C-alpha atoms as a PDB file:
ATOM      1  CA  MET A   1     -55.280 116.173  44.159  1.00  0.00           C
ATOM      2  CA  PRO A   2     -57.316 115.187  47.265  1.00  0.00           C
ATOM      3  CA  THR A   3     -60.843 116.566  47.501  1.00  0.00           C
ATOM      4  CA  ALA A   4     -62.421 118.258  50.534  1.00  0.00           C
ATOM      5  CA  SER A   5     -63.672 114.892  51.759  1.00  0.00           C
ATOM      6  CA  THR A   6     -60.244 113.322  51.689  1.00  0.00           C
ATOM      7  CA  SER A   7     -59.102 111.900  55.016  1.00  0.00           C
ATOM      8  CA  PHE A   8     -56.181 113.098  57.072  1.00  0.00           C
ATOM      9  CA  PHE A   9     -53.981 110.220  55.949  1.00  0.00           C
ATOM     10  CA  GLY A  10     -55.059 110.827  52.364  1.00  0.00           C
ATOM     11  CA  TRP A  11     -53.544 114.297  52.562  1.00  0.00           C
ATOM     12  CA  VAL A  12     -50.457 112.899  54.247  1.00  0.00           C
ATOM     13  CA  ALA A  13     -49.973 110.403  51.414  1.00  0.00           C
ATOM     14  CA  PHE A  14     -50.566 113.112  48.799  1.00  0.00           C
ATOM     15  CA  LEU A  15     -48.081 115.524  50.406  1.00  0.00           C
ATOM     16  CA  LEU A  16     -45.469 112.795  50.732  1.00  0.00           C
ATOM     17  CA  GLN A  17     -45.891 111.915  47.063  1.00  0.00           C
ATOM     18  CA  LYS A  18     -45.732 115.527  45.887  1.00  0.00           C
ATOM     19  CA  TYR A  19     -43.100 116.904  48.270  1.00  0.00           C
ATOM     20  CA  GLY A  20     -41.176 113.768  49.201  1.00  0.00           C
ATOM     21  CA  MET A  21     -37.944 115.010  47.653  1.00  0.00           C
ATOM     22  CA  LEU A  22     -38.381 118.362  49.410  1.00  0.00           C
ATOM     23  CA  PHE A  23     -38.636 116.600  52.782  1.00  0.00           C
ATOM     24  CA  LEU A  24     -35.681 114.392  51.857  1.00  0.00           C
ATOM     25  CA  ARG A  25     -33.469 117.388  51.030  1.00  0.00           C
ATOM     26  CA  GLY A  26     -34.507 119.069  54.266  1.00  0.00           C
ATOM     27  CA  THR A  27     -33.688 115.924  56.229  1.00  0.00           C
ATOM     28  CA  GLY A  28     -30.266 115.727  54.586  1.00  0.00           C
ATOM     29  CA  MET A  29     -29.515 119.347  55.480  1.00  0.00           C
ATOM     30  CA  THR A  30     -30.693 118.793  59.057  1.00  0.00           C
ATOM     31  CA  LEU A  31     -28.376 115.800  59.448  1.00  0.00           C
ATOM     32  CA  LEU A  32     -25.487 117.661  57.816  1.00  0.00           C
ATOM     33  CA  VAL A  33     -25.604 120.687  60.111  1.00  0.00           C
ATOM     34  CA  ALA A  34     -26.400 118.624  63.224  1.00  0.00           C
ATOM     35  CA  LEU A  35     -23.666 116.005  62.751  1.00  0.00           C
ATOM     36  CA  THR A  36     -20.999 118.442  61.545  1.00  0.00           C
ATOM     37  CA  GLY A  37     -21.881 121.041  64.163  1.00  0.00           C
ATOM     38  CA  THR A  38     -21.803 118.466  66.953  1.00  0.00           C
ATOM     39  CA  ALA A  39     -18.424 117.124  65.776  1.00  0.00           C
ATOM     40  CA  PHE A  40     -16.838 120.580  65.652  1.00  0.00           C
ATOM     41  CA  GLY A  41     -18.562 121.493  68.904  1.00  0.00           C
ATOM     42  CA  PHE A  42     -17.033 118.435  70.559  1.00  0.00           C
ATOM     43  CA  ILE A  43     -13.554 119.500  69.417  1.00  0.00           C
ATOM     44  CA  ILE A  44     -14.126 123.046  70.676  1.00  0.00           C
ATOM     45  CA  GLY A  45     -15.494 121.776  73.983  1.00  0.00           C
ATOM     46  CA  LEU A  46     -12.585 119.351  74.374  1.00  0.00           C
ATOM     47  CA  LEU A  47      -9.983 122.090  73.944  1.00  0.00           C
ATOM     48  CA  VAL A  48     -11.855 124.490  76.216  1.00  0.00           C
ATOM     49  CA  ALA A  49     -12.294 121.821  78.895  1.00  0.00           C
ATOM     50  CA  ILE A  50      -8.576 120.924  78.864  1.00  0.00           C
ATOM     51  CA  VAL A  51      -7.590 124.570  79.263  1.00  0.00           C
ATOM     52  CA  ARG A  52     -10.144 125.152  82.023  1.00  0.00           C
ATOM     53  CA  ALA A  53      -9.056 121.979  83.838  1.00  0.00           C
ATOM     54  CA  THR A  54      -5.402 123.100  83.826  1.00  0.00           C
ATOM     55  CA  SER A  55      -4.251 124.403  87.197  1.00  0.00           C
ATOM     56  CA  PRO A  56      -2.901 127.976  86.928  1.00  0.00           C
ATOM     57  CA  VAL A  57      -0.771 127.600  90.073  1.00  0.00           C
ATOM     58  CA  PRO A  58       2.913 126.908  89.284  1.00  0.00           C
ATOM     59  CA  THR A  59       4.805 124.246  91.178  1.00  0.00           C
ATOM     60  CA  LEU A  60       7.430 125.314  93.713  1.00  0.00           C
ATOM     61  CA  ALA A  61      10.208 124.011  91.471  1.00  0.00           C
ATOM     62  CA  ARG A  62       9.200 126.253  88.589  1.00  0.00           C
ATOM     63  CA  LYS A  63       8.126 129.368  90.448  1.00  0.00           C
ATOM     64  CA  SER A  64       9.710 132.243  88.524  1.00  0.00           C
ATOM     65  CA  PHE A  65       8.748 135.443  86.736  1.00  0.00           C
ATOM     66  CA  ALA A  66       8.186 133.580  83.462  1.00  0.00           C
ATOM     67  CA  ALA A  67       6.020 131.003  85.235  1.00  0.00           C
ATOM     68  CA  ALA A  68       4.043 133.784  86.931  1.00  0.00           C
ATOM     69  CA  VAL A  69       3.416 135.428  83.546  1.00  0.00           C
ATOM     70  CA  ARG A  70       2.227 132.112  82.078  1.00  0.00           C
ATOM     71  CA  CYS A  71      -0.101 131.603  85.028  1.00  0.00           C
ATOM     72  CA  ALA A  72      -1.542 135.113  84.670  1.00  0.00           C
ATOM     73  CA  LEU A  73      -2.068 134.521  80.939  1.00  0.00           C
ATOM     74  CA  LEU A  74      -3.733 131.169  81.647  1.00  0.00           C
ATOM     75  CA  LYS A  75      -6.074 132.785  84.173  1.00  0.00           C
ATOM     76  CA  ALA A  76      -7.021 135.476  81.640  1.00  0.00           C
ATOM     77  CA  ILE A  77      -7.743 132.837  78.982  1.00  0.00           C
ATOM     78  CA  GLN A  78      -9.800 130.826  81.456  1.00  0.00           C
ATOM     79  CA  LEU A  79     -11.857 133.917  82.307  1.00  0.00           C
ATOM     80  CA  LEU A  80     -12.532 134.546  78.608  1.00  0.00           C
ATOM     81  CA  LEU A  81     -13.531 130.911  78.098  1.00  0.00           C
ATOM     82  CA  ALA A  82     -15.817 131.061  81.139  1.00  0.00           C
ATOM     83  CA  ALA A  83     -17.476 134.152  79.642  1.00  0.00           C
ATOM     84  CA  TYR A  84     -17.888 132.345  76.301  1.00  0.00           C
ATOM     85  CA  ILE A  85     -19.579 129.419  78.047  1.00  0.00           C
ATOM     86  CA  GLN A  86     -21.915 131.650  80.057  1.00  0.00           C
ATOM     87  CA  VAL A  87     -22.961 133.701  77.008  1.00  0.00           C
ATOM     88  CA  PHE A  88     -23.698 130.770  74.710  1.00  0.00           C
ATOM     89  CA  ARG A  89     -25.369 128.666  77.402  1.00  0.00           C
ATOM     90  CA  GLY A  90     -27.397 131.623  78.634  1.00  0.00           C
ATOM     91  CA  THR A  91     -28.925 132.744  75.326  1.00  0.00           C
ATOM     92  CA  PRO A  92     -31.210 130.861  72.898  1.00  0.00           C
ATOM     93  CA  MET A  93     -29.709 129.482  69.715  1.00  0.00           C
ATOM     94  CA  ILE A  94     -32.304 131.318  67.619  1.00  0.00           C
ATOM     95  CA  VAL A  95     -31.060 134.645  69.035  1.00  0.00           C
ATOM     96  CA  GLN A  96     -27.434 133.641  68.478  1.00  0.00           C
ATOM     97  CA  ALA A  97     -28.236 132.741  64.857  1.00  0.00           C
ATOM     98  CA  VAL A  98     -29.808 136.125  64.145  1.00  0.00           C
ATOM     99  CA  VAL A  99     -27.095 138.112  65.940  1.00  0.00           C
ATOM    100  CA  ILE A 100     -24.183 136.245  64.315  1.00  0.00           C
ATOM    101  CA  TYR A 101     -25.591 135.980  60.788  1.00  0.00           C
ATOM    102  CA  TYR A 102     -26.991 139.483  60.429  1.00  0.00           C
ATOM    103  CA  GLY A 103     -24.336 141.021  62.680  1.00  0.00           C
ATOM    104  CA  ALA A 104     -21.680 139.681  60.311  1.00  0.00           C
ATOM    105  CA  GLN A 105     -23.468 141.418  57.439  1.00  0.00           C
ATOM    106  CA  TYR A 106     -23.254 144.715  59.319  1.00  0.00           C
ATOM    107  CA  ALA A 107     -19.491 144.133  59.460  1.00  0.00           C
ATOM    108  CA  GLY A 108     -19.389 143.462  55.725  1.00  0.00           C
ATOM    109  CA  VAL A 109     -19.059 139.669  56.036  1.00  0.00           C
ATOM    110  CA  TYR A 110     -21.665 137.693  54.069  1.00  0.00           C
ATOM    111  CA  MET A 111     -21.717 134.048  55.085  1.00  0.00           C
ATOM    112  CA  ASP A 112     -23.210 131.161  53.172  1.00  0.00           C
ATOM    113  CA  THR A 113     -26.278 129.961  55.089  1.00  0.00           C
ATOM    114  CA  THR A 114     -24.998 126.376  55.364  1.00  0.00           C
ATOM    115  CA  PHE A 115     -21.627 127.564  56.680  1.00  0.00           C
ATOM    116  CA  ALA A 116     -23.406 129.924  59.084  1.00  0.00           C
ATOM    117  CA  ALA A 117     -25.610 127.083  60.352  1.00  0.00           C
ATOM    118  CA  ILE A 118     -22.643 124.790  61.031  1.00  0.00           C
ATOM    119  CA  PHE A 119     -20.692 127.635  62.647  1.00  0.00           C
ATOM    120  CA  ILE A 120     -23.582 128.605  64.939  1.00  0.00           C
ATOM    121  CA  ILE A 121     -24.297 125.038  66.032  1.00  0.00           C
ATOM    122  CA  SER A 122     -20.571 124.387  66.555  1.00  0.00           C
ATOM    123  CA  ILE A 123     -19.934 127.300  68.909  1.00  0.00           C
ATOM    124  CA  ASN A 124     -23.233 126.760  70.719  1.00  0.00           C
ATOM    125  CA  THR A 125     -22.519 123.063  71.200  1.00  0.00           C
ATOM    126  CA  GLY A 126     -18.910 123.804  72.179  1.00  0.00           C
ATOM    127  CA  ALA A 127     -20.105 125.766  75.217  1.00  0.00           C
ATOM    128  CA  TYR A 128     -22.195 122.829  76.458  1.00  0.00           C
ATOM    129  CA  MET A 129     -19.567 120.247  75.545  1.00  0.00           C
ATOM    130  CA  ALA A 130     -16.916 122.150  77.483  1.00  0.00           C
ATOM    131  CA  GLU A 131     -18.837 121.726  80.738  1.00  0.00           C
ATOM    132  CA  ILE A 132     -19.775 118.122  79.953  1.00  0.00           C
ATOM    133  CA  ILE A 133     -16.161 117.163  79.222  1.00  0.00           C
ATOM    134  CA  ARG A 134     -14.839 119.124  82.212  1.00  0.00           C
ATOM    135  CA  GLY A 135     -17.237 117.177  84.416  1.00  0.00           C
ATOM    136  CA  GLY A 136     -16.039 113.940  82.816  1.00  0.00           C
ATOM    137  CA  ILE A 137     -12.405 114.889  83.502  1.00  0.00           C
ATOM    138  CA  PHE A 138     -13.114 115.562  87.160  1.00  0.00           C
ATOM    139  CA  SER A 139     -15.051 112.283  87.427  1.00  0.00           C
ATOM    140  CA  VAL A 140     -11.778 110.384  86.893  1.00  0.00           C
ATOM    141  CA  ASP A 141     -10.164 109.461  90.196  1.00  0.00           C
ATOM    142  CA  LYS A 142      -7.657 112.070  91.380  1.00  0.00           C
ATOM    143  CA  GLY A 143      -5.154 109.327  92.164  1.00  0.00           C
ATOM    144  CA  GLN A 144      -4.709 108.681  88.441  1.00  0.00           C
ATOM    145  CA  PHE A 145      -3.599 112.294  87.920  1.00  0.00           C
ATOM    146  CA  GLU A 146      -1.119 111.947  90.771  1.00  0.00           C
ATOM    147  CA  ALA A 147       0.184 108.588  89.530  1.00  0.00           C
ATOM    148  CA  ALA A 148       0.713 109.942  86.013  1.00  0.00           C
ATOM    149  CA  HIS A 149       2.559 112.999  87.326  1.00  0.00           C
ATOM    150  CA  ALA A 150       4.626 110.787  89.635  1.00  0.00           C
ATOM    151  CA  ILE A 151       6.073 108.871  86.683  1.00  0.00           C
ATOM    152  CA  GLY A 152       6.996 112.104  84.916  1.00  0.00           C
ATOM    153  CA  MET A 153       4.077 112.582  82.530  1.00  0.00           C
ATOM    154  CA  THR A 154       3.213 116.136  81.527  1.00  0.00           C
ATOM    155  CA  HIS A 155      -0.265 117.588  81.931  1.00  0.00           C
ATOM    156  CA  TRP A 156      -0.961 117.081  78.222  1.00  0.00           C
ATOM    157  CA  GLN A 157       0.270 113.457  78.296  1.00  0.00           C
ATOM    158  CA  THR A 158      -1.822 112.758  81.383  1.00  0.00           C
ATOM    159  CA  MET A 159      -4.903 114.171  79.717  1.00  0.00           C
ATOM    160  CA  THR A 160      -4.533 112.458  76.346  1.00  0.00           C
ATOM    161  CA  THR A 161      -3.383 108.999  77.464  1.00  0.00           C
ATOM    162  CA  VAL A 162      -4.874 108.512  80.928  1.00  0.00           C
ATOM    163  CA  VAL A 163      -7.770 110.838  81.686  1.00  0.00           C
ATOM    164  CA  LEU A 164      -9.577 111.617  78.428  1.00  0.00           C
ATOM    165  CA  PRO A 165     -10.113 107.987  77.282  1.00  0.00           C
ATOM    166  CA  GLN A 166     -11.952 107.329  80.541  1.00  0.00           C
ATOM    167  CA  ALA A 167     -13.717 110.694  80.592  1.00  0.00           C
ATOM    168  CA  ILE A 168     -15.027 110.314  77.034  1.00  0.00           C
ATOM    169  CA  ARG A 169     -16.532 106.930  77.856  1.00  0.00           C
ATOM    170  CA  ASN A 170     -18.217 108.439  80.905  1.00  0.00           C
ATOM    171  CA  ILE A 171     -19.688 111.380  78.991  1.00  0.00           C
ATOM    172  CA  LEU A 172     -20.732 109.496  75.852  1.00  0.00           C
ATOM    173  CA  PRO A 173     -24.450 109.472  76.821  1.00  0.00           C
ATOM    174  CA  SER A 174     -24.346 113.249  77.325  1.00  0.00           C
ATOM    175  CA  VAL A 175     -22.569 113.738  73.990  1.00  0.00           C
ATOM    176  CA  GLY A 176     -25.270 111.660  72.317  1.00  0.00           C
ATOM    177  CA  ASN A 177     -27.909 113.758  74.009  1.00  0.00           C
ATOM    178  CA  GLU A 178     -26.315 116.911  72.568  1.00  0.00           C
ATOM    179  CA  LEU A 179     -26.460 115.401  69.078  1.00  0.00           C
ATOM    180  CA  ILE A 180     -30.155 114.613  69.503  1.00  0.00           C
ATOM    181  CA  VAL A 181     -30.807 118.141  70.780  1.00  0.00           C
ATOM    182  CA  ASN A 182     -28.986 119.589  67.763  1.00  0.00           C
ATOM    183  CA  ILE A 183     -31.071 117.521  65.342  1.00  0.00           C
ATOM    184  CA  LYS A 184     -34.214 119.038  66.849  1.00  0.00           C
ATOM    185  CA  ASP A 185     -32.892 122.550  67.493  1.00  0.00           C
ATOM    186  CA  SER A 186     -31.580 122.895  63.947  1.00  0.00           C
ATOM    187  CA  SER A 187     -35.168 123.866  63.128  1.00  0.00           C
ATOM    188  CA  VAL A 188     -34.580 127.340  64.617  1.00  0.00           C
ATOM    189  CA  LEU A 189     -32.058 128.048  61.859  1.00  0.00           C
ATOM    190  CA  ASN A 190     -34.921 128.661  59.458  1.00  0.00           C
ATOM    191  CA  VAL A 191     -34.773 132.284  60.716  1.00  0.00           C
ATOM    192  CA  ILE A 192     -31.639 132.764  58.592  1.00  0.00           C
ATOM    193  CA  SER A 193     -33.152 130.812  55.660  1.00  0.00           C
ATOM    194  CA  VAL A 194     -31.233 127.565  56.138  1.00  0.00           C
ATOM    195  CA  SER A 195     -33.064 124.990  54.004  1.00  0.00           C
ATOM    196  CA  GLU A 196     -33.327 122.372  56.731  1.00  0.00           C
ATOM    197  CA  LEU A 197     -36.375 120.179  57.356  1.00  0.00           C
ATOM    198  CA  PHE A 198     -38.574 122.750  59.110  1.00  0.00           C
ATOM    199  CA  PHE A 199     -37.845 125.422  56.487  1.00  0.00           C
ATOM    200  CA  GLN A 200     -38.762 123.018  53.675  1.00  0.00           C
ATOM    201  CA  ALA A 201     -41.906 121.988  55.532  1.00  0.00           C
ATOM    202  CA  LYS A 202     -43.093 125.601  55.679  1.00  0.00           C
ATOM    203  CA  SER A 203     -42.781 125.820  51.906  1.00  0.00           C
ATOM    204  CA  ALA A 204     -44.778 122.613  51.422  1.00  0.00           C
ATOM    205  CA  ALA A 205     -47.445 123.603  53.954  1.00  0.00           C
ATOM    206  CA  GLY A 206     -48.041 126.996  52.346  1.00  0.00           C
ATOM    207  CA  ALA A 207     -48.862 125.518  48.939  1.00  0.00           C
ATOM    208  CA  TYR A 208     -52.140 123.865  50.031  1.00  0.00           C
ATOM    209  CA  TYR A 209     -52.498 125.370  53.546  1.00  0.00           C
ATOM    210  CA  ARG A 210     -52.282 121.873  55.075  1.00  0.00           C
ATOM    211  CA  TYR A 211     -50.092 122.855  58.003  1.00  0.00           C
ATOM    212  CA  PHE A 212     -51.180 120.130  60.414  1.00  0.00           C
ATOM    213  CA  GLU A 213     -50.544 117.312  57.941  1.00  0.00           C
ATOM    214  CA  VAL A 214     -47.135 118.682  56.942  1.00  0.00           C
ATOM    215  CA  TYR A 215     -45.981 119.207  60.520  1.00  0.00           C
ATOM    216  CA  PHE A 216     -47.230 115.733  61.404  1.00  0.00           C
ATOM    217  CA  ILE A 217     -44.978 114.370  58.649  1.00  0.00           C
ATOM    218  CA  ILE A 218     -41.870 116.220  59.835  1.00  0.00           C
ATOM    219  CA  ALA A 219     -42.624 115.281  63.458  1.00  0.00           C
ATOM    220  CA  VAL A 220     -42.463 111.621  62.429  1.00  0.00           C
ATOM    221  CA  ILE A 221     -39.238 112.280  60.496  1.00  0.00           C
ATOM    222  CA  TYR A 222     -37.625 113.981  63.509  1.00  0.00           C
ATOM    223  CA  LEU A 223     -38.731 111.078  65.713  1.00  0.00           C
ATOM    224  CA  ILE A 224     -37.218 108.531  63.334  1.00  0.00           C
ATOM    225  CA  LEU A 225     -33.949 110.471  63.218  1.00  0.00           C
ATOM    226  CA  THR A 226     -33.612 110.783  66.993  1.00  0.00           C
ATOM    227  CA  LEU A 227     -34.564 107.161  67.661  1.00  0.00           C
ATOM    228  CA  THR A 228     -32.065 105.947  65.058  1.00  0.00           C
ATOM    229  CA  VAL A 229     -29.266 108.094  66.508  1.00  0.00           C
ATOM    230  CA  SER A 230     -30.114 106.864  70.019  1.00  0.00           C
ATOM    231  CA  ARG A 231     -29.824 103.229  68.939  1.00  0.00           C
ATOM    232  CA  ILE A 232     -26.522 103.826  67.142  1.00  0.00           C
ATOM    233  CA  LEU A 233     -25.028 105.609  70.152  1.00  0.00           C
ATOM    234  CA  ARG A 234     -26.199 102.834  72.471  1.00  0.00           C
ATOM    235  CA  PHE A 235     -24.438 100.315  70.219  1.00  0.00           C
ATOM    236  CA  ILE A 236     -21.235 102.396  70.386  1.00  0.00           C
ATOM    237  CA  GLU A 237     -21.473 102.523  74.184  1.00  0.00           C
ATOM    238  CA  LEU A 238     -21.740  98.740  74.369  1.00  0.00           C
ATOM    239  CA  LYS A 239     -18.726  98.366  72.076  1.00  0.00           C
ATOM    240  CA  MET A 240     -16.670 100.735  74.247  1.00  0.00           C
ATOM    241  CA  ASP A 241     -17.557  98.705  77.346  1.00  0.00           C
ATOM    242  CA  GLY A 242     -15.560  95.805  75.922  1.00  0.00           C
ATOM    243  CA  PRO A 243     -16.291  92.080  76.315  1.00  0.00           C
ATOM    244  CA  ASP A 244     -17.759  90.571  79.462  1.00  0.00           C
ATOM    245  CA  ASN A 245     -15.053  87.890  79.494  1.00  0.00           C
ATOM    246  CA  TYR A 246     -11.336  88.357  78.827  1.00  0.00           C
ATOM    247  CA  VAL A 247      -8.034  86.632  79.603  1.00  0.00           C
ATOM    248  CA  ILE A 248      -4.968  88.127  81.307  1.00  0.00           C
ATOM    249  CA  HIS A 249      -1.829  86.405  79.998  1.00  0.00           C
ATOM    250  CA  GLY A 250       1.293  85.976  82.096  1.00  0.00           C
ATOM    251  CA  SER A 251       2.180  86.658  85.713  1.00  0.00           C
ATOM    252  CA  GLN A 252       5.262  87.576  87.718  1.00  0.00           C
ATOM    253  CA  SER A 253       6.056  83.918  88.392  1.00  0.00           C
ATOM    254  CA  ASP A 254       4.985  82.250  85.150  1.00  0.00           C
ATOM    255  CA  SER A 255       4.734  83.999  81.780  1.00  0.00           C
ATOM    256  CA  ARG A 256       2.555  81.144  80.484  1.00  0.00           C
ATOM    257  CA  ALA A 257      -0.095  81.594  83.154  1.00  0.00           C
ATOM    258  CA  GLU A 258      -3.591  82.685  82.177  1.00  0.00           C
ATOM    259  CA  ILE A 259      -6.226  84.311  84.350  1.00  0.00           C
ATOM    260  CA  VAL A 260      -9.780  84.260  83.037  1.00  0.00           C
ATOM    261  CA  VAL A 261     -11.794  87.287  84.142  1.00  0.00           C
ATOM    262  CA  SER A 262     -15.539  87.454  83.526  1.00  0.00           C
ATOM    263  CA  ARG A 263     -18.599  89.247  84.763  1.00  0.00           C
ATOM    264  CA  GLU A 264     -19.546  86.071  86.618  1.00  0.00           C
ATOM    265  CA  ASN A 265     -16.200  86.146  88.476  1.00  0.00           C
ATOM    266  CA  ALA A 266     -16.822  89.708  89.576  1.00  0.00           C
ATOM    267  CA  GLU A 267     -20.335  88.892  90.783  1.00  0.00           C
ATOM    268  CA  GLU A 268     -19.037  85.879  92.729  1.00  0.00           C
ATOM    269  CA  VAL A 269     -16.331  87.952  94.398  1.00  0.00           C
ATOM    270  CA  GLU A 270     -18.855  90.624  95.357  1.00  0.00           C
ATOM    271  CA  LYS A 271     -21.183  87.963  96.766  1.00  0.00           C
ATOM    272  CA  ARG A 272     -18.421  86.450  98.906  1.00  0.00           C
ATOM    273  CA  TRP A 273     -17.332  89.880 100.074  1.00  0.00           C
ATOM    274  CA  ASN A 274     -20.873  90.748 101.195  1.00  0.00           C
ATOM    275  CA  GLN A 275     -21.076  87.493 103.120  1.00  0.00           C
END
């Protein structure tokens, strides 16, 4: 064990040696709840955004009592979803965790802490994702909606095959940012005794009262996690951008024709246009 004269980094090395597995288990739990919660939150946000982006006004061809009832029901659902978004975006996650976890116990429902953590992060993230995805949907040119409807595509077909693939690419940086936020904010779940990284760090720090050294260690771990996730997401973004150069095969006059399109071609066209 380090003596009183041991340096700061001596304590850090000692704590890593003694509680390395504790930090590792906490890191694993942090990644589990953050990744799973973000994935479920994305699904929730996607569904909420599609419903909120649906126009409640019936077309003239389908204006009937049944259509009016469906529109009224859609408006009611949209109001409820708007309330859900406002509540979960307007309150801290630490408060939501306490209210949901201990409130469920008042109702006679006792949740496993890991399940509770994933559930809380999912519904919290879903509220933010819903607005991010809705913004991505509206960022797609309106003409693409009109073109899809003109060829007979339903609202769902338009969303899934035309709009969402473009919207998801546009919002990918924001989705990645939510994942990074969840990795850090998972630390607040220690209030319901989730054994994530911060909770494990408190246990290690209390043994020798070396709080600064322990929190320095977990700060470095959090930094490594967020930097790694950022690099992975950047790689995914580059892959979704596609290649700089590609070939279009065939034309109306000659099926054997090939047109080479590259970033250099686009820059040359823009240069000529500006001249």
